[in-house]
């Protein structure tokens, strides 16, 4: 029963059907609401994890882009203009990732 409730592969109604039919547990409105909240919670957690991973990947790509431009001899102003960020941020990334170059 716990496996059904915690399954990320089953939809809310499928979980309720398993609990009611396989385990012969009557499903009250309160229980139905609790399952709905639990399902929404897991979806929210998954969405936040995806957002964090996407943000981290974007930041890493941006840093790599900035460093590549810097290594090719572009000025900080040019890099900031193309990257759509400020010169201060470009400098901070370069100092953090390539301290000997800054």
PDB file of N, CA and C in Angstrom:
ATOM      1  N   UNK A   1       0.825  -1.182   0.000  1.00  0.00           N
ATOM      2  CA  UNK A   1       0.000   0.000   0.000  1.00  0.00           C
ATOM      3  C   UNK A   1       0.876   1.256   0.000  1.00  0.00           C
ATOM      4  N   UNK A   2       1.936   1.262   0.803  1.00  0.00           N
ATOM      5  CA  UNK A   2       2.840   2.413   0.841  1.00  0.00           C
ATOM      6  C   UNK A   2       3.466   2.621  -0.533  1.00  0.00           C
ATOM      7  N   UNK A   3       3.805   1.522  -1.193  1.00  0.00           N
ATOM      8  CA  UNK A   3       4.388   1.609  -2.531  1.00  0.00           C
ATOM      9  C   UNK A   3       3.455   2.305  -3.501  1.00  0.00           C
ATOM     10  N   UNK A   4       2.176   1.995  -3.418  1.00  0.00           N
ATOM     11  CA  UNK A   4       1.194   2.637  -4.296  1.00  0.00           C
ATOM     12  C   UNK A   4       1.094   4.126  -3.982  1.00  0.00           C
ATOM     13  N   UNK A   5       1.038   4.457  -2.707  1.00  0.00           N
ATOM     14  CA  UNK A   5       0.908   5.864  -2.318  1.00  0.00           C
ATOM     15  C   UNK A   5       2.121   6.697  -2.735  1.00  0.00           C
ATOM     16  N   UNK A   6       3.303   6.115  -2.627  1.00  0.00           N
ATOM     17  CA  UNK A   6       4.525   6.863  -2.906  1.00  0.00           C
ATOM     18  C   UNK A   6       4.996   6.759  -4.355  1.00  0.00           C
ATOM     19  N   UNK A   7       4.300   5.956  -5.141  1.00  0.00           N
ATOM     20  CA  UNK A   7       4.705   5.761  -6.527  1.00  0.00           C
ATOM     21  C   UNK A   7       4.624   7.064  -7.316  1.00  0.00           C
ATOM     22  N   UNK A   8       5.679   7.356  -8.047  1.00  0.00           N
ATOM     23  CA  UNK A   8       5.672   8.537  -8.908  1.00  0.00           C
ATOM     24  C   UNK A   8       5.094   8.203 -10.275  1.00  0.00           C
ATOM     25  N   UNK A   9       4.837   6.930 -10.505  1.00  0.00           N
ATOM     26  CA  UNK A   9       4.336   6.499 -11.802  1.00  0.00           C
ATOM     27  C   UNK A   9       2.813   6.414 -11.858  1.00  0.00           C
ATOM     28  N   UNK A  10       2.184   6.375 -10.688  1.00  0.00           N
ATOM     29  CA  UNK A  10       0.723   6.264 -10.640  1.00  0.00           C
ATOM     30  C   UNK A  10       0.085   7.629 -10.450  1.00  0.00           C
ATOM     31  N   UNK A  11      -1.043   7.814 -11.101  1.00  0.00           N
ATOM     32  CA  UNK A  11      -1.813   9.049 -10.923  1.00  0.00           C
ATOM     33  C   UNK A  11      -2.639   8.928  -9.656  1.00  0.00           C
ATOM     34  N   UNK A  12      -3.139  10.061  -9.206  1.00  0.00           N
ATOM     35  CA  UNK A  12      -3.901  10.130  -7.961  1.00  0.00           C
ATOM     36  C   UNK A  12      -5.040   9.109  -7.932  1.00  0.00           C
ATOM     37  N   UNK A  13      -5.849   9.066  -8.975  1.00  0.00           N
ATOM     38  CA  UNK A  13      -7.004   8.166  -8.986  1.00  0.00           C
ATOM     39  C   UNK A  13      -6.558   6.702  -9.007  1.00  0.00           C
ATOM     40  N   UNK A  14      -5.472   6.406  -9.669  1.00  0.00           N
ATOM     41  CA  UNK A  14      -4.951   5.036  -9.696  1.00  0.00           C
ATOM     42  C   UNK A  14      -4.534   4.602  -8.288  1.00  0.00           C
ATOM     43  N   UNK A  15      -3.912   5.500  -7.556  1.00  0.00           N
ATOM     44  CA  UNK A  15      -3.510   5.197  -6.178  1.00  0.00           C
ATOM     45  C   UNK A  15      -4.746   4.908  -5.320  1.00  0.00           C
ATOM     46  N   UNK A  16      -5.749   5.758  -5.459  1.00  0.00           N
ATOM     47  CA  UNK A  16      -6.983   5.558  -4.686  1.00  0.00           C
ATOM     48  C   UNK A  16      -7.666   4.249  -5.050  1.00  0.00           C
ATOM     49  N   UNK A  17      -7.696   3.913  -6.332  1.00  0.00           N
ATOM     50  CA  UNK A  17      -8.313   2.656  -6.777  1.00  0.00           C
ATOM     51  C   UNK A  17      -7.590   1.444  -6.194  1.00  0.00           C
ATOM     52  N   UNK A  18      -6.270   1.477  -6.177  1.00  0.00           N
ATOM     53  CA  UNK A  18      -5.491   0.362  -5.623  1.00  0.00           C
ATOM     54  C   UNK A  18      -5.783   0.204  -4.136  1.00  0.00           C
ATOM     55  N   UNK A  19      -5.766   1.304  -3.420  1.00  0.00           N
ATOM     56  CA  UNK A  19      -6.018   1.242  -1.975  1.00  0.00           C
ATOM     57  C   UNK A  19      -7.417   0.722  -1.689  1.00  0.00           C
ATOM     58  N   UNK A  20      -8.375   1.190  -2.470  1.00  0.00           N
ATOM     59  CA  UNK A  20      -9.763   0.791  -2.225  1.00  0.00           C
ATOM     60  C   UNK A  20     -10.036  -0.649  -2.648  1.00  0.00           C
ATOM     61  N   UNK A  21      -9.545  -1.053  -3.829  1.00  0.00           N
ATOM     62  CA  UNK A  21      -9.892  -2.377  -4.355  1.00  0.00           C
ATOM     63  C   UNK A  21      -8.938  -3.491  -3.928  1.00  0.00           C
ATOM     64  N   UNK A  22      -7.650  -3.216  -3.896  1.00  0.00           N
ATOM     65  CA  UNK A  22      -6.699  -4.270  -3.530  1.00  0.00           C
ATOM     66  C   UNK A  22      -6.580  -4.457  -2.021  1.00  0.00           C
ATOM     67  N   UNK A  23      -6.775  -3.371  -1.267  1.00  0.00           N
ATOM     68  CA  UNK A  23      -6.619  -3.448   0.182  1.00  0.00           C
ATOM     69  C   UNK A  23      -7.940  -3.309   0.929  1.00  0.00           C
ATOM     70  N   UNK A  24      -9.020  -3.164   0.169  1.00  0.00           N
ATOM     71  CA  UNK A  24     -10.372  -3.064   0.747  1.00  0.00           C
ATOM     72  C   UNK A  24     -10.477  -1.995   1.831  1.00  0.00           C
ATOM     73  N   UNK A  25      -9.875  -0.867   1.565  1.00  0.00           N
ATOM     74  CA  UNK A  25      -9.933   0.259   2.494  1.00  0.00           C
ATOM     75  C   UNK A  25     -10.906   1.282   1.918  1.00  0.00           C
ATOM     76  N   UNK A  26     -11.945   1.615   2.672  1.00  0.00           N
ATOM     77  CA  UNK A  26     -12.886   2.619   2.163  1.00  0.00           C
ATOM     78  C   UNK A  26     -12.195   3.987   2.054  1.00  0.00           C
ATOM     79  N   UNK A  27     -12.507   4.687   0.999  1.00  0.00           N
ATOM     80  CA  UNK A  27     -11.870   5.967   0.730  1.00  0.00           C
ATOM     81  C   UNK A  27     -12.825   7.098   1.117  1.00  0.00           C
ATOM     82  N   UNK A  28     -12.471   7.800   2.168  1.00  0.00           N
ATOM     83  CA  UNK A  28     -13.286   8.937   2.606  1.00  0.00           C
ATOM     84  C   UNK A  28     -12.863  10.182   1.820  1.00  0.00           C
ATOM     85  N   UNK A  29     -13.668  11.193   1.889  1.00  0.00           N
ATOM     86  CA  UNK A  29     -13.332  12.457   1.223  1.00  0.00           C
ATOM     87  C   UNK A  29     -12.056  13.053   1.821  1.00  0.00           C
ATOM     88  N   UNK A  30     -11.907  12.920   3.121  1.00  0.00           N
ATOM     89  CA  UNK A  30     -10.704  13.432   3.794  1.00  0.00           C
ATOM     90  C   UNK A  30      -9.450  12.711   3.301  1.00  0.00           C
ATOM     91  N   UNK A  31      -9.547  11.381   3.172  1.00  0.00           N
ATOM     92  CA  UNK A  31      -8.410  10.598   2.684  1.00  0.00           C
ATOM     93  C   UNK A  31      -8.101  10.982   1.240  1.00  0.00           C
ATOM     94  N   UNK A  32      -9.139  11.155   0.439  1.00  0.00           N
ATOM     95  CA  UNK A  32      -8.987  11.546  -0.964  1.00  0.00           C
ATOM     96  C   UNK A  32      -8.244  12.890  -1.053  1.00  0.00           C
ATOM     97  N   UNK A  33      -8.607  13.821  -0.176  1.00  0.00           N
ATOM     98  CA  UNK A  33      -7.964  15.134  -0.144  1.00  0.00           C
ATOM     99  C   UNK A  33      -6.501  15.011   0.283  1.00  0.00           C
ATOM    100  N   UNK A  34      -6.226  14.151   1.256  1.00  0.00           N
ATOM    101  CA  UNK A  34      -4.845  13.945   1.699  1.00  0.00           C
ATOM    102  C   UNK A  34      -3.979  13.385   0.579  1.00  0.00           C
ATOM    103  N   UNK A  35      -4.517  12.457  -0.188  1.00  0.00           N
ATOM    104  CA  UNK A  35      -3.772  11.881  -1.310  1.00  0.00           C
ATOM    105  C   UNK A  35      -3.532  12.952  -2.376  1.00  0.00           C
ATOM    106  N   UNK A  36      -4.539  13.783  -2.624  1.00  0.00           N
ATOM    107  CA  UNK A  36      -4.383  14.854  -3.606  1.00  0.00           C
ATOM    108  C   UNK A  36      -3.265  15.803  -3.184  1.00  0.00           C
ATOM    109  N   UNK A  37      -3.240  16.177  -1.917  1.00  0.00           N
ATOM    110  CA  UNK A  37      -2.198  17.072  -1.403  1.00  0.00           C
ATOM    111  C   UNK A  37      -0.824  16.424  -1.540  1.00  0.00           C
ATOM    112  N   UNK A  38      -0.742  15.150  -1.201  1.00  0.00           N
ATOM    113  CA  UNK A  38       0.520  14.424  -1.295  1.00  0.00           C
ATOM    114  C   UNK A  38       1.010  14.380  -2.747  1.00  0.00           C
ATOM    115  N   UNK A  39       0.097  14.126  -3.679  1.00  0.00           N
ATOM    116  CA  UNK A  39       0.477  14.069  -5.094  1.00  0.00           C
ATOM    117  C   UNK A  39       0.951  15.433  -5.578  1.00  0.00           C
ATOM    118  N   UNK A  40       0.275  16.485  -5.165  1.00  0.00           N
ATOM    119  CA  UNK A  40       0.685  17.835  -5.556  1.00  0.00           C
ATOM    120  C   UNK A  40       2.026  18.211  -4.934  1.00  0.00           C
ATOM    121  N   UNK A  41       2.263  17.749  -3.724  1.00  0.00           N
ATOM    122  CA  UNK A  41       3.532  18.026  -3.057  1.00  0.00           C
ATOM    123  C   UNK A  41       4.689  17.406  -3.828  1.00  0.00           C
ATOM    124  N   UNK A  42       4.541  16.158  -4.236  1.00  0.00           N
ATOM    125  CA  UNK A  42       5.616  15.499  -4.964  1.00  0.00           C
ATOM    126  C   UNK A  42       5.847  16.165  -6.317  1.00  0.00           C
ATOM    127  N   UNK A  43       4.784  16.640  -6.951  1.00  0.00           N
ATOM    128  CA  UNK A  43       4.929  17.352  -8.215  1.00  0.00           C
ATOM    129  C   UNK A  43       5.683  18.658  -7.997  1.00  0.00           C
ATOM    130  N   UNK A  44       5.359  19.349  -6.917  1.00  0.00           N
ATOM    131  CA  UNK A  44       6.049  20.597  -6.603  1.00  0.00           C
ATOM    132  C   UNK A  44       7.527  20.377  -6.336  1.00  0.00           C
ATOM    133  N   UNK A  45       7.845  19.325  -5.625  1.00  0.00           N
ATOM    134  CA  UNK A  45       9.246  19.004  -5.334  1.00  0.00           C
ATOM    135  C   UNK A  45       9.989  18.714  -6.634  1.00  0.00           C
ATOM    136  N   UNK A  46       9.364  17.949  -7.502  1.00  0.00           N
ATOM    137  CA  UNK A  46       9.984  17.611  -8.784  1.00  0.00           C
ATOM    138  C   UNK A  46      10.199  18.868  -9.633  1.00  0.00           C
ATOM    139  N   UNK A  47       9.214  19.757  -9.656  1.00  0.00           N
ATOM    140  CA  UNK A  47       9.343  20.986 -10.432  1.00  0.00           C
ATOM    141  C   UNK A  47      10.471  21.865  -9.900  1.00  0.00           C
ATOM    142  N   UNK A  48      10.580  21.972  -8.580  1.00  0.00           N
ATOM    143  CA  UNK A  48      11.656  22.780  -7.997  1.00  0.00           C
ATOM    144  C   UNK A  48      13.026  22.182  -8.309  1.00  0.00           C
ATOM    145  N   UNK A  49      13.126  20.864  -8.264  1.00  0.00           N
ATOM    146  CA  UNK A  49      14.398  20.212  -8.575  1.00  0.00           C
ATOM    147  C   UNK A  49      14.778  20.453 -10.033  1.00  0.00           C
ATOM    148  N   UNK A  50      13.800  20.392 -10.916  1.00  0.00           N
ATOM    149  CA  UNK A  50      14.048  20.644 -12.331  1.00  0.00           C
ATOM    150  C   UNK A  50      14.482  22.085 -12.551  1.00  0.00           C
ATOM    151  N   UNK A  51      13.816  23.021 -11.875  1.00  0.00           N
ATOM    152  CA  UNK A  51      14.188  24.431 -11.991  1.00  0.00           C
ATOM    153  C   UNK A  51      15.619  24.669 -11.516  1.00  0.00           C
ATOM    154  N   UNK A  52      15.984  24.061 -10.389  1.00  0.00           N
ATOM    155  CA  UNK A  52      17.347  24.227  -9.869  1.00  0.00           C
ATOM    156  C   UNK A  52      18.381  23.659 -10.833  1.00  0.00           C
ATOM    157  N   UNK A  53      18.093  22.484 -11.382  1.00  0.00           N
ATOM    158  CA  UNK A  53      19.031  21.855 -12.313  1.00  0.00           C
ATOM    159  C   UNK A  53      19.174  22.690 -13.581  1.00  0.00           C
ATOM    160  N   UNK A  54      18.069  23.221 -14.069  1.00  0.00           N
ATOM    161  CA  UNK A  54      18.106  24.055 -15.259  1.00  0.00           C
ATOM    162  C   UNK A  54      18.894  25.332 -14.999  1.00  0.00           C
ATOM    163  N   UNK A  55      18.656  25.950 -13.845  1.00  0.00           N
ATOM    164  CA  UNK A  55      19.372  27.182 -13.498  1.00  0.00           C
ATOM    165  C   UNK A  55      20.872  26.918 -13.398  1.00  0.00           C
ATOM    166  N   UNK A  56      21.242  25.811 -12.752  1.00  0.00           N
ATOM    167  CA  UNK A  56      22.656  25.472 -12.588  1.00  0.00           C
ATOM    168  C   UNK A  56      23.314  25.225 -13.949  1.00  0.00           C
ATOM    169  N   UNK A  57      22.621  24.506 -14.824  1.00  0.00           N
ATOM    170  CA  UNK A  57      23.167  24.222 -16.156  1.00  0.00           C
ATOM    171  C   UNK A  57      23.319  25.509 -16.962  1.00  0.00           C
ATOM    172  N   UNK A  58      22.345  26.407 -16.851  1.00  0.00           N
ATOM    173  CA  UNK A  58      22.405  27.679 -17.564  1.00  0.00           C
ATOM    174  C   UNK A  58      23.563  28.519 -17.062  1.00  0.00           C
ATOM    175  N   UNK A  59      23.741  28.574 -15.745  1.00  0.00           N
ATOM    176  CA  UNK A  59      24.854  29.344 -15.171  1.00  0.00           C
ATOM    177  C   UNK A  59      26.196  28.785 -15.624  1.00  0.00           C
ATOM    178  N   UNK A  60      26.307  27.450 -15.637  1.00  0.00           N
ATOM    179  CA  UNK A  60      27.565  26.830 -16.046  1.00  0.00           C
ATOM    180  C   UNK A  60      27.857  27.130 -17.519  1.00  0.00           C
ATOM    181  N   UNK A  61      26.833  27.063 -18.355  1.00  0.00           N
ATOM    182  CA  UNK A  61      27.002  27.366 -19.776  1.00  0.00           C
ATOM    183  C   UNK A  61      27.391  28.821 -19.970  1.00  0.00           C
ATOM    184  N   UNK A  62      26.753  29.704 -19.228  1.00  0.00           N
ATOM    185  CA  UNK A  62      27.060  31.131 -19.310  1.00  0.00           C
ATOM    186  C   UNK A  62      28.500  31.402 -18.883  1.00  0.00           C
ATOM    187  N   UNK A  63      28.925  30.785 -17.801  1.00  0.00           N
ATOM    188  CA  UNK A  63      30.302  30.960 -17.339  1.00  0.00           C
ATOM    189  C   UNK A  63      31.294  30.470 -18.395  1.00  0.00           C
ATOM    190  N   UNK A  64      31.001  29.325 -18.979  1.00  0.00           N
ATOM    191  CA  UNK A  64      31.902  28.775 -19.999  1.00  0.00           C
ATOM    192  C   UNK A  64      31.966  29.710 -21.212  1.00  0.00           C
ATOM    193  N   UNK A  65      30.826  30.229 -21.601  1.00  0.00           N
ATOM    194  CA  UNK A  65      30.739  31.170 -22.713  1.00  0.00           C
ATOM    195  C   UNK A  65      31.587  32.414 -22.436  1.00  0.00           C
ATOM    196  N   UNK A  66      31.432  32.973 -21.243  1.00  0.00           N
ATOM    197  CA  UNK A  66      32.179  34.169 -20.852  1.00  0.00           C
ATOM    198  C   UNK A  66      33.678  33.887 -20.836  1.00  0.00           C
ATOM    199  N   UNK A  67      34.062  32.753 -20.271  1.00  0.00           N
ATOM    200  CA  UNK A  67      35.488  32.402 -20.219  1.00  0.00           C
ATOM    201  C   UNK A  67      36.072  32.185 -21.609  1.00  0.00           C
ATOM    202  N   UNK A  68      35.315  31.560 -22.482  1.00  0.00           N
ATOM    203  CA  UNK A  68      35.797  31.347 -23.856  1.00  0.00           C
ATOM    204  C   UNK A  68      36.014  32.677 -24.577  1.00  0.00           C
ATOM    205  N   UNK A  69      35.092  33.602 -24.398  1.00  0.00           N
ATOM    206  CA  UNK A  69      35.255  34.920 -25.021  1.00  0.00           C
ATOM    207  C   UNK A  69      36.477  35.630 -24.447  1.00  0.00           C
ATOM    208  N   UNK A  70      36.657  35.516 -23.145  1.00  0.00           N
ATOM    209  CA  UNK A  70      37.793  36.159 -22.489  1.00  0.00           C
ATOM    210  C   UNK A  70      39.111  35.587 -23.021  1.00  0.00           C
ATOM    211  N   UNK A  71      39.174  34.277 -23.152  1.00  0.00           N
ATOM    212  CA  UNK A  71      40.388  33.618 -23.647  1.00  0.00           C
ATOM    213  C   UNK A  71      40.683  33.993 -25.091  1.00  0.00           C
ATOM    214  N   UNK A  72      39.658  34.328 -25.858  1.00  0.00           N
ATOM    215  CA  UNK A  72      39.845  34.709 -27.262  1.00  0.00           C
ATOM    216  C   UNK A  72      40.182  36.188 -27.414  1.00  0.00           C
ATOM    217  N   UNK A  73      40.237  36.909 -26.280  1.00  0.00           N
ATOM    218  CA  UNK A  73      40.703  38.280 -26.323  1.00  0.00           C
ATOM    219  C   UNK A  73      39.627  39.355 -26.393  1.00  0.00           C
ATOM    220  N   UNK A  74      38.390  38.986 -26.214  1.00  0.00           N
ATOM    221  CA  UNK A  74      37.336  40.002 -26.198  1.00  0.00           C
ATOM    222  C   UNK A  74      37.477  40.850 -24.934  1.00  0.00           C
ATOM    223  N   UNK A  75      37.105  42.117 -25.042  1.00  0.00           N
ATOM    224  CA  UNK A  75      37.158  42.992 -23.876  1.00  0.00           C
ATOM    225  C   UNK A  75      36.004  42.649 -22.932  1.00  0.00           C
ATOM    226  N   UNK A  76      36.139  43.087 -21.692  1.00  0.00           N
ATOM    227  CA  UNK A  76      35.080  42.843 -20.715  1.00  0.00           C
ATOM    228  C   UNK A  76      33.766  43.498 -21.141  1.00  0.00           C
ATOM    229  N   UNK A  77      33.865  44.687 -21.734  1.00  0.00           N
ATOM    230  CA  UNK A  77      32.659  45.359 -22.227  1.00  0.00           C
ATOM    231  C   UNK A  77      31.988  44.555 -23.340  1.00  0.00           C
ATOM    232  N   UNK A  78      32.790  44.028 -24.254  1.00  0.00           N
ATOM    233  CA  UNK A  78      32.225  43.224 -25.349  1.00  0.00           C
ATOM    234  C   UNK A  78      31.557  41.958 -24.806  1.00  0.00           C
ATOM    235  N   UNK A  79      32.226  41.309 -23.879  1.00  0.00           N
ATOM    236  CA  UNK A  79      31.679  40.077 -23.293  1.00  0.00           C
ATOM    237  C   UNK A  79      30.372  40.379 -22.575  1.00  0.00           C
ATOM    238  N   UNK A  80      30.360  41.433 -21.778  1.00  0.00           N
ATOM    239  CA  UNK A  80      29.153  41.798 -21.038  1.00  0.00           C
ATOM    240  C   UNK A  80      28.011  42.110 -21.988  1.00  0.00           C
ATOM    241  N   UNK A  81      28.320  42.816 -23.077  1.00  0.00           N
ATOM    242  CA  UNK A  81      27.297  43.180 -24.050  1.00  0.00           C
ATOM    243  C   UNK A  81      26.688  41.930 -24.689  1.00  0.00           C
ATOM    244  N   UNK A  82      27.532  41.021 -25.136  1.00  0.00           N
ATOM    245  CA  UNK A  82      27.050  39.811 -25.806  1.00  0.00           C
ATOM    246  C   UNK A  82      26.349  38.871 -24.820  1.00  0.00           C
ATOM    247  N   UNK A  83      26.865  38.785 -23.595  1.00  0.00           N
ATOM    248  CA  UNK A  83      26.284  37.882 -22.593  1.00  0.00           C
ATOM    249  C   UNK A  83      25.034  38.470 -21.950  1.00  0.00           C
ATOM    250  N   UNK A  84      24.805  39.756 -22.168  1.00  0.00           N
ATOM    251  CA  UNK A  84      23.621  40.386 -21.586  1.00  0.00           C
ATOM    252  C   UNK A  84      23.717  40.546 -20.080  1.00  0.00           C
ATOM    253  N   UNK A  85      24.915  40.840 -19.618  1.00  0.00           N
ATOM    254  CA  UNK A  85      25.146  41.004 -18.181  1.00  0.00           C
ATOM    255  C   UNK A  85      26.054  42.214 -17.961  1.00  0.00           C
ATOM    256  N   UNK A  86      26.357  42.485 -16.731  1.00  0.00           N
ATOM    257  CA  UNK A  86      27.215  43.620 -16.424  1.00  0.00           C
ATOM    258  C   UNK A  86      28.685  43.249 -16.422  1.00  0.00           C
ATOM    259  N   UNK A  87      29.514  44.266 -16.592  1.00  0.00           N
ATOM    260  CA  UNK A  87      30.967  44.067 -16.580  1.00  0.00           C
ATOM    261  C   UNK A  87      31.406  43.503 -15.235  1.00  0.00           C
ATOM    262  N   UNK A  88      30.785  43.962 -14.160  1.00  0.00           N
ATOM    263  CA  UNK A  88      31.144  43.463 -12.824  1.00  0.00           C
ATOM    264  C   UNK A  88      30.928  41.956 -12.719  1.00  0.00           C
ATOM    265  N   UNK A  89      29.827  41.489 -13.268  1.00  0.00           N
ATOM    266  CA  UNK A  89      29.554  40.044 -13.227  1.00  0.00           C
ATOM    267  C   UNK A  89      30.557  39.280 -14.078  1.00  0.00           C
ATOM    268  N   UNK A  90      30.889  39.815 -15.237  1.00  0.00           N
ATOM    269  CA  UNK A  90      31.891  39.179 -16.104  1.00  0.00           C
ATOM    270  C   UNK A  90      33.217  39.083 -15.360  1.00  0.00           C
ATOM    271  N   UNK A  91      33.630  40.175 -14.730  1.00  0.00           N
ATOM    272  CA  UNK A  91      34.884  40.176 -13.971  1.00  0.00           C
ATOM    273  C   UNK A  91      34.845  39.150 -12.845  1.00  0.00           C
ATOM    274  N   UNK A  92      33.732  39.086 -12.146  1.00  0.00           N
ATOM    275  CA  UNK A  92      33.610  38.139 -11.027  1.00  0.00           C
ATOM    276  C   UNK A  92      33.737  36.700 -11.515  1.00  0.00           C
ATOM    277  N   UNK A  93      33.118  36.391 -12.634  1.00  0.00           N
ATOM    278  CA  UNK A  93      33.194  35.028 -13.180  1.00  0.00           C
ATOM    279  C   UNK A  93      34.623  34.706 -13.589  1.00  0.00           C
ATOM    280  N   UNK A  94      35.267  35.643 -14.242  1.00  0.00           N
ATOM    281  CA  UNK A  94      36.649  35.407 -14.678  1.00  0.00           C
ATOM    282  C   UNK A  94      37.575  35.223 -13.492  1.00  0.00           C
ATOM    283  N   UNK A  95      37.419  36.056 -12.467  1.00  0.00           N
ATOM    284  CA  UNK A  95      38.275  35.942 -11.279  1.00  0.00           C
ATOM    285  C   UNK A  95      38.025  34.631 -10.536  1.00  0.00           C
ATOM    286  N   UNK A  96      36.754  34.214 -10.520  1.00  0.00           N
ATOM    287  CA  UNK A  96      36.413  32.985  -9.799  1.00  0.00           C
ATOM    288  C   UNK A  96      36.927  31.743 -10.536  1.00  0.00           C
ATOM    289  N   UNK A  97      36.786  31.736 -11.849  1.00  0.00           N
ATOM    290  CA  UNK A  97      37.125  30.548 -12.624  1.00  0.00           C
ATOM    291  C   UNK A  97      38.554  30.541 -13.154  1.00  0.00           C
ATOM    292  N   UNK A  98      39.081  31.706 -13.406  1.00  0.00           N
ATOM    293  CA  UNK A  98      40.423  31.819 -13.969  1.00  0.00           C
ATOM    294  C   UNK A  98      41.206  32.887 -13.219  1.00  0.00           C
ATOM    295  N   UNK A  99      41.488  32.697 -11.936  1.00  0.00           N
ATOM    296  CA  UNK A  99      42.132  33.746 -11.140  1.00  0.00           C
ATOM    297  C   UNK A  99      43.464  34.215 -11.697  1.00  0.00           C
ATOM    298  N   UNK A 100      44.199  33.353 -12.334  1.00  0.00           N
ATOM    299  CA  UNK A 100      45.512  33.751 -12.881  1.00  0.00           C
ATOM    300  C   UNK A 100      45.349  34.631 -14.119  1.00  0.00           C
ATOM    301  N   UNK A 101      44.190  34.569 -14.760  1.00  0.00           N
ATOM    302  CA  UNK A 101      43.980  35.325 -15.984  1.00  0.00           C
ATOM    303  C   UNK A 101      43.490  36.738 -15.714  1.00  0.00           C
ATOM    304  N   UNK A 102      42.845  36.934 -14.596  1.00  0.00           N
ATOM    305  CA  UNK A 102      42.224  38.239 -14.325  1.00  0.00           C
ATOM    306  C   UNK A 102      43.236  39.250 -13.827  1.00  0.00           C
TER     307      UNK A 102
END
